[in-house]
Amino acid sequence: MSTYYYLVAGLPDISLEDGKLNYTVDSFKSELYPELSAKDRSVIDLFYLKFDNENLLKLLKDKDAQISARGNFSSEELHQLIEAVREGDTPDSRFPAYFYDFIIRYFALPADELYRAQDLLAAAYYAYAMKCGNSFVAEWFKFSLNLNNILAALTARKYKLDVDTVVVGDTEICDLLRSSNARDFGLNEVLDYFEPIQRISEVEELVEREKKVDLLKWKWLEEESFFHYFTIERLFVFLLQLEMIERWITLDKEKGNELFREMIQNLKNEVQIPEEFRK
């Protein structure tokens, strides 16, 4: 029986109290993550790496900065990596290779171009994740990158800004966004989710737009993970949805509660999946 089965079986203990989750992204890291195999941990690490990205940037800008404890690496470990790169030492295999490459690029940036650091790191992160070897997780990162870039490109066009400066990454979709003069960047027939993104971009109220973005992500995750029962892919989805709910509770308590109940019900339903699908 998979580790994930036991998580689902324990879901009745997960509840909302006073608009707050008593099971969070942090809970997962401390309670379930240690029980995963090394291979499965490497998949879940991709989720937590975004916190490491933020921490790395903070420490490069200010060595005394306080960092989030949500990442895979401690402040001391990241300081050691930064110093190793500074000294030209061989990179430690514990860290993803893009950390080392990014730090080198960061040190080479002129002072007036340091603003590019966040986009450079994001591009490296997505490129790394899309080559992770897990097809579902790789597709999620591709979808997420496309979603962010399309929204950024549409906004840039709306305010007559240079699209090239807001698109992150080096993919065929990125190239189309940077080069196409078509109203839809030539993507309407390439991506079945272009029109929903375009509609979202037209929403003026920022909180409402953010919720619609998350709803689109939620829909993609539910549809694409439909046949992943008790797998690391479903755990990955669980984490992403849990993070969204944490944010929704801050933005809209009622919507957060509603979506949390929906997620829990969906997961509890999976416990009833016929035996032949559990193999």
C-alpha atoms as a PDB file:
ATOM      1  CA  MET A   1       0.000   0.000   0.000  1.00  0.00           C
ATOM      2  CA  SER A   2       1.463   3.383  -1.002  1.00  0.00           C
ATOM      3  CA  THR A   3       2.394   6.175   1.406  1.00  0.00           C
ATOM      4  CA  TYR A   4      -0.172   8.318  -0.336  1.00  0.00           C
ATOM      5  CA  TYR A   5      -2.984   5.916   0.547  1.00  0.00           C
ATOM      6  CA  TYR A   6      -2.302   6.521   4.241  1.00  0.00           C
ATOM      7  CA  LEU A   7      -2.408  10.277   3.724  1.00  0.00           C
ATOM      8  CA  VAL A   8      -5.828  10.017   2.078  1.00  0.00           C
ATOM      9  CA  ALA A   9      -7.071   7.597   4.717  1.00  0.00           C
ATOM     10  CA  GLY A  10      -6.199  10.166   7.389  1.00  0.00           C
ATOM     11  CA  LEU A  11      -8.029  13.049   5.738  1.00  0.00           C
ATOM     12  CA  PRO A  12     -10.959  13.175   8.189  1.00  0.00           C
ATOM     13  CA  ASP A  13      -8.461  14.656  10.668  1.00  0.00           C
ATOM     14  CA  ILE A  14      -7.787  17.579   8.294  1.00  0.00           C
ATOM     15  CA  SER A  15     -10.121  20.484   8.966  1.00  0.00           C
ATOM     16  CA  LEU A  16     -10.488  24.236   8.910  1.00  0.00           C
ATOM     17  CA  GLU A  17     -10.654  26.113  12.182  1.00  0.00           C
ATOM     18  CA  ASP A  18     -11.355  29.845  12.358  1.00  0.00           C
ATOM     19  CA  GLY A  19     -10.489  30.218   8.687  1.00  0.00           C
ATOM     20  CA  LYS A  20      -7.080  28.626   9.096  1.00  0.00           C
ATOM     21  CA  LEU A  21      -5.768  25.301   7.850  1.00  0.00           C
ATOM     22  CA  ASN A  22      -4.460  22.952  10.515  1.00  0.00           C
ATOM     23  CA  TYR A  23      -2.682  21.011   7.773  1.00  0.00           C
ATOM     24  CA  THR A  24      -0.363  23.143   5.647  1.00  0.00           C
ATOM     25  CA  VAL A  25       2.537  23.027   3.217  1.00  0.00           C
ATOM     26  CA  ASP A  26       4.800  23.167   6.278  1.00  0.00           C
ATOM     27  CA  SER A  27       2.964  20.240   7.894  1.00  0.00           C
ATOM     28  CA  PHE A  28       3.568  18.119   4.831  1.00  0.00           C
ATOM     29  CA  LYS A  29       7.295  18.862   4.894  1.00  0.00           C
ATOM     30  CA  SER A  30       7.668  17.870   8.528  1.00  0.00           C
ATOM     31  CA  GLU A  31       5.234  14.933   8.686  1.00  0.00           C
ATOM     32  CA  LEU A  32       4.994  13.117   5.358  1.00  0.00           C
ATOM     33  CA  TYR A  33       8.124  14.087   3.425  1.00  0.00           C
ATOM     34  CA  PRO A  34      10.482  12.014   5.646  1.00  0.00           C
ATOM     35  CA  GLU A  35       8.464   8.886   4.801  1.00  0.00           C
ATOM     36  CA  LEU A  36       8.968   9.215   1.050  1.00  0.00           C
ATOM     37  CA  SER A  37      11.554   7.335  -0.998  1.00  0.00           C
ATOM     38  CA  ALA A  38      14.578   9.245  -2.290  1.00  0.00           C
ATOM     39  CA  LYS A  39      13.076   9.194  -5.788  1.00  0.00           C
ATOM     40  CA  ASP A  40       9.758  10.607  -4.598  1.00  0.00           C
ATOM     41  CA  ARG A  41      11.490  13.229  -2.476  1.00  0.00           C
ATOM     42  CA  SER A  42      13.278  14.510  -5.560  1.00  0.00           C
ATOM     43  CA  VAL A  43       9.881  15.213  -7.132  1.00  0.00           C
ATOM     44  CA  ILE A  44       8.513  16.984  -4.060  1.00  0.00           C
ATOM     45  CA  ASP A  45      11.775  18.937  -3.761  1.00  0.00           C
ATOM     46  CA  LEU A  46      10.849  20.671  -7.020  1.00  0.00           C
ATOM     47  CA  PHE A  47       7.863  22.225  -5.262  1.00  0.00           C
ATOM     48  CA  TYR A  48       9.934  23.494  -2.336  1.00  0.00           C
ATOM     49  CA  LEU A  49      12.767  24.753  -4.565  1.00  0.00           C
ATOM     50  CA  LYS A  50      10.800  27.924  -5.293  1.00  0.00           C
ATOM     51  CA  PHE A  51      11.316  28.892  -1.646  1.00  0.00           C
ATOM     52  CA  ASP A  52      15.024  28.149  -2.009  1.00  0.00           C
ATOM     53  CA  ASN A  53      15.087  30.428  -5.046  1.00  0.00           C
ATOM     54  CA  GLU A  54      13.662  33.266  -2.973  1.00  0.00           C
ATOM     55  CA  ASN A  55      16.096  32.533  -0.155  1.00  0.00           C
ATOM     56  CA  LEU A  56      19.101  32.423  -2.481  1.00  0.00           C
ATOM     57  CA  LEU A  57      18.231  35.801  -3.957  1.00  0.00           C
ATOM     58  CA  LYS A  58      17.798  37.315  -0.496  1.00  0.00           C
ATOM     59  CA  LEU A  59      21.187  36.052   0.687  1.00  0.00           C
ATOM     60  CA  LEU A  60      22.965  37.216  -2.452  1.00  0.00           C
ATOM     61  CA  LYS A  61      21.575  40.701  -1.858  1.00  0.00           C
ATOM     62  CA  ASP A  62      22.105  40.636   1.919  1.00  0.00           C
ATOM     63  CA  LYS A  63      24.130  37.909   3.626  1.00  0.00           C
ATOM     64  CA  ASP A  64      22.345  38.626   6.917  1.00  0.00           C
ATOM     65  CA  ALA A  65      18.835  38.374   5.468  1.00  0.00           C
ATOM     66  CA  GLN A  66      16.213  36.300   7.258  1.00  0.00           C
ATOM     67  CA  ILE A  67      15.027  33.495   5.007  1.00  0.00           C
ATOM     68  CA  SER A  68      11.995  31.225   4.842  1.00  0.00           C
ATOM     69  CA  ALA A  69      12.236  27.839   6.535  1.00  0.00           C
ATOM     70  CA  ARG A  70      10.085  26.313   3.766  1.00  0.00           C
ATOM     71  CA  GLY A  71      12.985  25.630   1.432  1.00  0.00           C
ATOM     72  CA  ASN A  72      15.091  22.495   1.072  1.00  0.00           C
ATOM     73  CA  PHE A  73      18.294  24.192   2.237  1.00  0.00           C
ATOM     74  CA  SER A  74      19.251  26.119   5.355  1.00  0.00           C
ATOM     75  CA  SER A  75      20.786  29.575   5.422  1.00  0.00           C
ATOM     76  CA  GLU A  76      24.130  28.016   6.346  1.00  0.00           C
ATOM     77  CA  GLU A  77      24.011  25.618   3.395  1.00  0.00           C
ATOM     78  CA  LEU A  78      23.174  28.397   0.940  1.00  0.00           C
ATOM     79  CA  HIS A  79      25.964  30.580   2.364  1.00  0.00           C
ATOM     80  CA  GLN A  80      28.388  27.697   1.858  1.00  0.00           C
ATOM     81  CA  LEU A  81      27.264  27.335  -1.752  1.00  0.00           C
ATOM     82  CA  ILE A  82      27.626  31.053  -2.460  1.00  0.00           C
ATOM     83  CA  GLU A  83      31.110  31.053  -0.987  1.00  0.00           C
ATOM     84  CA  ALA A  84      32.080  27.935  -2.956  1.00  0.00           C
ATOM     85  CA  VAL A  85      31.038  29.613  -6.197  1.00  0.00           C
ATOM     86  CA  ARG A  86      32.912  32.769  -5.218  1.00  0.00           C
ATOM     87  CA  GLU A  87      36.050  30.678  -4.638  1.00  0.00           C
ATOM     88  CA  GLY A  88      35.588  28.681  -7.849  1.00  0.00           C
ATOM     89  CA  ASP A  89      35.232  25.378  -6.003  1.00  0.00           C
ATOM     90  CA  THR A  90      33.568  22.315  -7.509  1.00  0.00           C
ATOM     91  CA  PRO A  91      29.792  22.544  -6.915  1.00  0.00           C
ATOM     92  CA  ASP A  92      28.303  20.298  -4.248  1.00  0.00           C
ATOM     93  CA  SER A  93      26.038  17.679  -5.839  1.00  0.00           C
ATOM     94  CA  ARG A  94      23.445  18.247  -3.089  1.00  0.00           C
ATOM     95  CA  PHE A  95      22.365  21.416  -4.869  1.00  0.00           C
ATOM     96  CA  PRO A  96      20.577  21.577  -8.221  1.00  0.00           C
ATOM     97  CA  ALA A  97      23.080  22.528 -10.937  1.00  0.00           C
ATOM     98  CA  TYR A  98      21.154  25.663 -11.873  1.00  0.00           C
ATOM     99  CA  PHE A  99      21.955  27.202  -8.459  1.00  0.00           C
ATOM    100  CA  TYR A 100      25.661  27.150  -9.245  1.00  0.00           C
ATOM    101  CA  ASP A 101      25.184  28.478 -12.787  1.00  0.00           C
ATOM    102  CA  PHE A 102      22.860  31.230 -11.611  1.00  0.00           C
ATOM    103  CA  ILE A 103      25.222  32.441  -8.878  1.00  0.00           C
ATOM    104  CA  ILE A 104      28.008  32.739 -11.454  1.00  0.00           C
ATOM    105  CA  ARG A 105      25.711  34.817 -13.674  1.00  0.00           C
ATOM    106  CA  TYR A 106      24.606  36.905 -10.704  1.00  0.00           C
ATOM    107  CA  PHE A 107      28.192  37.816  -9.811  1.00  0.00           C
ATOM    108  CA  ALA A 108      28.774  38.843 -13.435  1.00  0.00           C
ATOM    109  CA  LEU A 109      25.755  41.175 -13.642  1.00  0.00           C
ATOM    110  CA  PRO A 110      26.549  44.918 -13.726  1.00  0.00           C
ATOM    111  CA  ALA A 111      24.943  46.870 -10.879  1.00  0.00           C
ATOM    112  CA  ASP A 112      22.407  48.435 -13.239  1.00  0.00           C
ATOM    113  CA  GLU A 113      21.243  44.986 -14.403  1.00  0.00           C
ATOM    114  CA  LEU A 114      20.729  43.296 -11.041  1.00  0.00           C
ATOM    115  CA  TYR A 115      16.996  43.744 -11.550  1.00  0.00           C
ATOM    116  CA  ARG A 116      17.258  40.885 -14.071  1.00  0.00           C
ATOM    117  CA  ALA A 117      18.356  38.397 -11.412  1.00  0.00           C
ATOM    118  CA  GLN A 118      14.882  37.211 -10.435  1.00  0.00           C
ATOM    119  CA  ASP A 119      13.895  36.469 -14.044  1.00  0.00           C
ATOM    120  CA  LEU A 120      17.210  34.716 -14.726  1.00  0.00           C
ATOM    121  CA  LEU A 121      16.708  32.492 -11.708  1.00  0.00           C
ATOM    122  CA  ALA A 122      13.076  31.769 -12.605  1.00  0.00           C
ATOM    123  CA  ALA A 123      14.078  30.794 -16.152  1.00  0.00           C
ATOM    124  CA  ALA A 124      16.764  28.453 -14.808  1.00  0.00           C
ATOM    125  CA  TYR A 125      14.320  26.915 -12.310  1.00  0.00           C
ATOM    126  CA  TYR A 126      11.672  26.195 -14.949  1.00  0.00           C
ATOM    127  CA  ALA A 127      14.240  24.759 -17.374  1.00  0.00           C
ATOM    128  CA  TYR A 128      15.524  22.465 -14.615  1.00  0.00           C
ATOM    129  CA  ALA A 129      12.025  21.354 -13.543  1.00  0.00           C
ATOM    130  CA  MET A 130      10.861  20.677 -17.102  1.00  0.00           C
ATOM    131  CA  LYS A 131      13.723  18.165 -17.442  1.00  0.00           C
ATOM    132  CA  CYS A 132      12.984  16.401 -14.158  1.00  0.00           C
ATOM    133  CA  GLY A 133      12.145  13.048 -15.739  1.00  0.00           C
ATOM    134  CA  ASN A 134       8.594  12.915 -14.370  1.00  0.00           C
ATOM    135  CA  SER A 135       6.308  13.642 -17.332  1.00  0.00           C
ATOM    136  CA  PHE A 136       3.358  14.910 -15.283  1.00  0.00           C
ATOM    137  CA  VAL A 137       5.454  17.276 -13.159  1.00  0.00           C
ATOM    138  CA  ALA A 138       7.385  18.471 -16.220  1.00  0.00           C
ATOM    139  CA  GLU A 139       4.070  19.273 -17.966  1.00  0.00           C
ATOM    140  CA  TRP A 140       2.885  21.190 -14.901  1.00  0.00           C
ATOM    141  CA  PHE A 141       5.940  23.417 -14.977  1.00  0.00           C
ATOM    142  CA  LYS A 142       5.520  23.937 -18.718  1.00  0.00           C
ATOM    143  CA  PHE A 143       1.879  24.934 -18.179  1.00  0.00           C
ATOM    144  CA  SER A 144       2.782  27.229 -15.287  1.00  0.00           C
ATOM    145  CA  LEU A 145       5.542  28.920 -17.292  1.00  0.00           C
ATOM    146  CA  ASN A 146       3.235  29.430 -20.273  1.00  0.00           C
ATOM    147  CA  LEU A 147       0.476  30.820 -18.066  1.00  0.00           C
ATOM    148  CA  ASN A 148       2.767  33.342 -16.375  1.00  0.00           C
ATOM    149  CA  ASN A 149       4.402  34.396 -19.631  1.00  0.00           C
ATOM    150  CA  ILE A 150       1.154  34.814 -21.565  1.00  0.00           C
ATOM    151  CA  LEU A 151      -0.349  36.968 -18.810  1.00  0.00           C
ATOM    152  CA  ALA A 152       2.829  39.059 -18.680  1.00  0.00           C
ATOM    153  CA  ALA A 153       2.933  39.444 -22.469  1.00  0.00           C
ATOM    154  CA  LEU A 154      -0.738  40.455 -22.727  1.00  0.00           C
ATOM    155  CA  THR A 155      -0.270  43.007 -19.954  1.00  0.00           C
ATOM    156  CA  ALA A 156       2.869  44.395 -21.625  1.00  0.00           C
ATOM    157  CA  ARG A 157       1.002  44.833 -24.890  1.00  0.00           C
ATOM    158  CA  LYS A 158      -1.896  46.518 -23.146  1.00  0.00           C
ATOM    159  CA  TYR A 159       0.401  49.150 -21.675  1.00  0.00           C
ATOM    160  CA  LYS A 160       2.615  49.359 -24.794  1.00  0.00           C
ATOM    161  CA  LEU A 161       5.667  47.899 -23.071  1.00  0.00           C
ATOM    162  CA  ASP A 162       8.367  45.718 -24.612  1.00  0.00           C
ATOM    163  CA  VAL A 163       7.061  42.134 -24.466  1.00  0.00           C
ATOM    164  CA  ASP A 164      10.571  40.741 -24.772  1.00  0.00           C
ATOM    165  CA  THR A 165      11.544  42.120 -21.370  1.00  0.00           C
ATOM    166  CA  VAL A 166       8.729  40.375 -19.466  1.00  0.00           C
ATOM    167  CA  VAL A 167       8.870  36.887 -20.983  1.00  0.00           C
ATOM    168  CA  VAL A 168      10.872  34.381 -18.934  1.00  0.00           C
ATOM    169  CA  GLY A 169      12.535  31.281 -20.347  1.00  0.00           C
ATOM    170  CA  ASP A 170      13.708  29.819 -23.633  1.00  0.00           C
ATOM    171  CA  THR A 171      11.001  27.642 -25.201  1.00  0.00           C
ATOM    172  CA  GLU A 172       9.071  27.674 -28.484  1.00  0.00           C
ATOM    173  CA  ILE A 173       6.171  29.403 -26.730  1.00  0.00           C
ATOM    174  CA  CYS A 174       8.558  32.012 -25.336  1.00  0.00           C
ATOM    175  CA  ASP A 175       9.889  32.636 -28.839  1.00  0.00           C
ATOM    176  CA  LEU A 176       6.370  33.138 -30.216  1.00  0.00           C
ATOM    177  CA  LEU A 177       5.489  35.554 -27.432  1.00  0.00           C
ATOM    178  CA  ARG A 178       8.628  37.577 -28.114  1.00  0.00           C
ATOM    179  CA  SER A 179       8.365  37.634 -31.907  1.00  0.00           C
ATOM    180  CA  SER A 180       4.728  37.355 -33.022  1.00  0.00           C
ATOM    181  CA  ASN A 181       2.694  40.416 -33.932  1.00  0.00           C
ATOM    182  CA  ALA A 182      -0.543  38.418 -34.084  1.00  0.00           C
ATOM    183  CA  ARG A 183      -3.273  39.354 -31.627  1.00  0.00           C
ATOM    184  CA  ASP A 184      -3.044  35.896 -30.073  1.00  0.00           C
ATOM    185  CA  PHE A 185       0.744  35.582 -30.574  1.00  0.00           C
ATOM    186  CA  GLY A 186      -0.060  32.635 -32.838  1.00  0.00           C
ATOM    187  CA  LEU A 187      -0.955  30.571 -29.776  1.00  0.00           C
ATOM    188  CA  ASN A 188      -4.711  30.110 -30.047  1.00  0.00           C
ATOM    189  CA  GLU A 189      -4.339  26.976 -32.165  1.00  0.00           C
ATOM    190  CA  VAL A 190      -1.285  25.779 -30.248  1.00  0.00           C
ATOM    191  CA  LEU A 191      -2.538  25.983 -26.653  1.00  0.00           C
ATOM    192  CA  ASP A 192      -6.106  25.019 -25.762  1.00  0.00           C
ATOM    193  CA  TYR A 193      -5.893  27.210 -22.666  1.00  0.00           C
ATOM    194  CA  PHE A 194      -4.873  30.439 -24.439  1.00  0.00           C
ATOM    195  CA  GLU A 195      -8.410  31.877 -24.592  1.00  0.00           C
ATOM    196  CA  PRO A 196      -9.116  31.338 -20.858  1.00  0.00           C
ATOM    197  CA  ILE A 197      -5.825  33.090 -20.058  1.00  0.00           C
ATOM    198  CA  GLN A 198      -6.729  35.933 -22.391  1.00  0.00           C
ATOM    199  CA  ARG A 199     -10.077  36.369 -20.616  1.00  0.00           C
ATOM    200  CA  ILE A 200      -8.337  36.402 -17.245  1.00  0.00           C
ATOM    201  CA  SER A 201      -5.955  39.111 -18.458  1.00  0.00           C
ATOM    202  CA  GLU A 202      -8.952  41.379 -19.066  1.00  0.00           C
ATOM    203  CA  VAL A 203     -10.045  41.261 -15.411  1.00  0.00           C
ATOM    204  CA  GLU A 204      -9.124  44.610 -13.867  1.00  0.00           C
ATOM    205  CA  GLU A 205      -9.517  43.785 -10.157  1.00  0.00           C
ATOM    206  CA  LEU A 206      -6.224  42.210  -9.048  1.00  0.00           C
ATOM    207  CA  VAL A 207      -7.525  39.879  -6.328  1.00  0.00           C
ATOM    208  CA  GLU A 208     -10.273  38.591  -8.607  1.00  0.00           C
ATOM    209  CA  ARG A 209      -7.729  38.036 -11.366  1.00  0.00           C
ATOM    210  CA  GLU A 210      -5.455  36.102  -9.016  1.00  0.00           C
ATOM    211  CA  LYS A 211      -8.328  33.854  -7.950  1.00  0.00           C
ATOM    212  CA  LYS A 212      -9.230  33.173 -11.581  1.00  0.00           C
ATOM    213  CA  VAL A 213      -5.608  32.282 -12.318  1.00  0.00           C
ATOM    214  CA  ASP A 214      -5.622  29.795  -9.459  1.00  0.00           C
ATOM    215  CA  LEU A 215      -8.945  28.345 -10.591  1.00  0.00           C
ATOM    216  CA  LEU A 216      -7.441  27.726 -14.020  1.00  0.00           C
ATOM    217  CA  LYS A 217      -4.440  26.040 -12.391  1.00  0.00           C
ATOM    218  CA  TRP A 218      -6.781  23.997 -10.196  1.00  0.00           C
ATOM    219  CA  LYS A 219      -8.772  22.839 -13.234  1.00  0.00           C
ATOM    220  CA  TRP A 220      -5.591  21.823 -15.077  1.00  0.00           C
ATOM    221  CA  LEU A 221      -4.297  19.893 -12.069  1.00  0.00           C
ATOM    222  CA  GLU A 222      -7.573  18.032 -11.549  1.00  0.00           C
ATOM    223  CA  GLU A 223      -7.937  17.086 -15.211  1.00  0.00           C
ATOM    224  CA  GLU A 224      -4.330  16.107 -15.834  1.00  0.00           C
ATOM    225  CA  SER A 225      -3.958  14.084 -12.618  1.00  0.00           C
ATOM    226  CA  PHE A 226      -7.280  12.256 -12.991  1.00  0.00           C
ATOM    227  CA  PHE A 227      -5.707   8.822 -13.441  1.00  0.00           C
ATOM    228  CA  HIS A 228      -2.931   9.289 -10.908  1.00  0.00           C
ATOM    229  CA  TYR A 229      -4.152   7.356  -7.850  1.00  0.00           C
ATOM    230  CA  PHE A 230      -2.011   7.133  -4.710  1.00  0.00           C
ATOM    231  CA  THR A 231       1.091   8.285  -6.558  1.00  0.00           C
ATOM    232  CA  ILE A 232       3.788  10.899  -6.036  1.00  0.00           C
ATOM    233  CA  GLU A 233       2.108  12.917  -8.792  1.00  0.00           C
ATOM    234  CA  ARG A 234      -1.062  13.140  -6.701  1.00  0.00           C
ATOM    235  CA  LEU A 235       0.962  14.208  -3.697  1.00  0.00           C
ATOM    236  CA  PHE A 236       2.539  16.919  -5.819  1.00  0.00           C
ATOM    237  CA  VAL A 237      -0.939  18.109  -6.839  1.00  0.00           C
ATOM    238  CA  PHE A 238      -2.071  17.995  -3.197  1.00  0.00           C
ATOM    239  CA  LEU A 239       0.788  20.329  -2.242  1.00  0.00           C
ATOM    240  CA  LEU A 240       0.052  22.802  -5.027  1.00  0.00           C
ATOM    241  CA  GLN A 241      -3.629  22.909  -4.156  1.00  0.00           C
ATOM    242  CA  LEU A 242      -2.907  23.225  -0.457  1.00  0.00           C
ATOM    243  CA  GLU A 243      -0.695  26.224  -1.162  1.00  0.00           C
ATOM    244  CA  MET A 244      -3.453  27.821  -3.236  1.00  0.00           C
ATOM    245  CA  ILE A 245      -5.960  27.334  -0.444  1.00  0.00           C
ATOM    246  CA  GLU A 246      -3.593  28.918   2.073  1.00  0.00           C
ATOM    247  CA  ARG A 247      -3.518  31.995  -0.148  1.00  0.00           C
ATOM    248  CA  TRP A 248      -7.260  31.957  -0.804  1.00  0.00           C
ATOM    249  CA  ILE A 249      -8.058  31.923   2.883  1.00  0.00           C
ATOM    250  CA  THR A 250      -6.078  35.158   3.146  1.00  0.00           C
ATOM    251  CA  LEU A 251      -7.810  36.691   0.121  1.00  0.00           C
ATOM    252  CA  ASP A 252     -11.295  35.237   0.512  1.00  0.00           C
ATOM    253  CA  LYS A 253     -12.115  33.054   3.526  1.00  0.00           C
ATOM    254  CA  GLU A 254     -15.364  31.711   2.051  1.00  0.00           C
ATOM    255  CA  LYS A 255     -13.723  30.709  -1.240  1.00  0.00           C
ATOM    256  CA  GLY A 256     -10.830  29.137   0.622  1.00  0.00           C
ATOM    257  CA  ASN A 257     -13.145  27.062   2.795  1.00  0.00           C
ATOM    258  CA  GLU A 258     -15.188  25.976  -0.216  1.00  0.00           C
ATOM    259  CA  LEU A 259     -12.169  24.833  -2.201  1.00  0.00           C
ATOM    260  CA  PHE A 260     -10.615  23.099   0.777  1.00  0.00           C
ATOM    261  CA  ARG A 261     -13.787  21.054   1.271  1.00  0.00           C
ATOM    262  CA  GLU A 262     -13.830  20.258  -2.453  1.00  0.00           C
ATOM    263  CA  MET A 263     -10.218  19.074  -2.406  1.00  0.00           C
ATOM    264  CA  ILE A 264     -10.719  16.899   0.654  1.00  0.00           C
ATOM    265  CA  GLN A 265     -13.878  15.340  -0.811  1.00  0.00           C
ATOM    266  CA  ASN A 266     -12.088  14.557  -4.075  1.00  0.00           C
ATOM    267  CA  LEU A 267      -9.251  12.892  -2.215  1.00  0.00           C
ATOM    268  CA  LYS A 268     -11.591  10.935   0.065  1.00  0.00           C
ATOM    269  CA  ASN A 269     -13.451   9.708  -3.026  1.00  0.00           C
ATOM    270  CA  GLU A 270     -10.217   8.231  -4.306  1.00  0.00           C
ATOM    271  CA  VAL A 271     -10.169   5.841  -1.359  1.00  0.00           C
ATOM    272  CA  GLN A 272     -13.210   4.202  -2.947  1.00  0.00           C
ATOM    273  CA  ILE A 273     -11.496   3.649  -6.306  1.00  0.00           C
ATOM    274  CA  PRO A 274     -11.834   0.015  -7.472  1.00  0.00           C
ATOM    275  CA  GLU A 275      -8.956  -2.270  -6.581  1.00  0.00           C
ATOM    276  CA  GLU A 276      -7.829  -2.728 -10.202  1.00  0.00           C
ATOM    277  CA  PHE A 277      -6.970   0.965 -10.439  1.00  0.00           C
ATOM    278  CA  ARG A 278      -4.772   0.866  -7.326  1.00  0.00           C
ATOM    279  CA  LYS A 279      -2.190  -1.478  -8.760  1.00  0.00           C
END
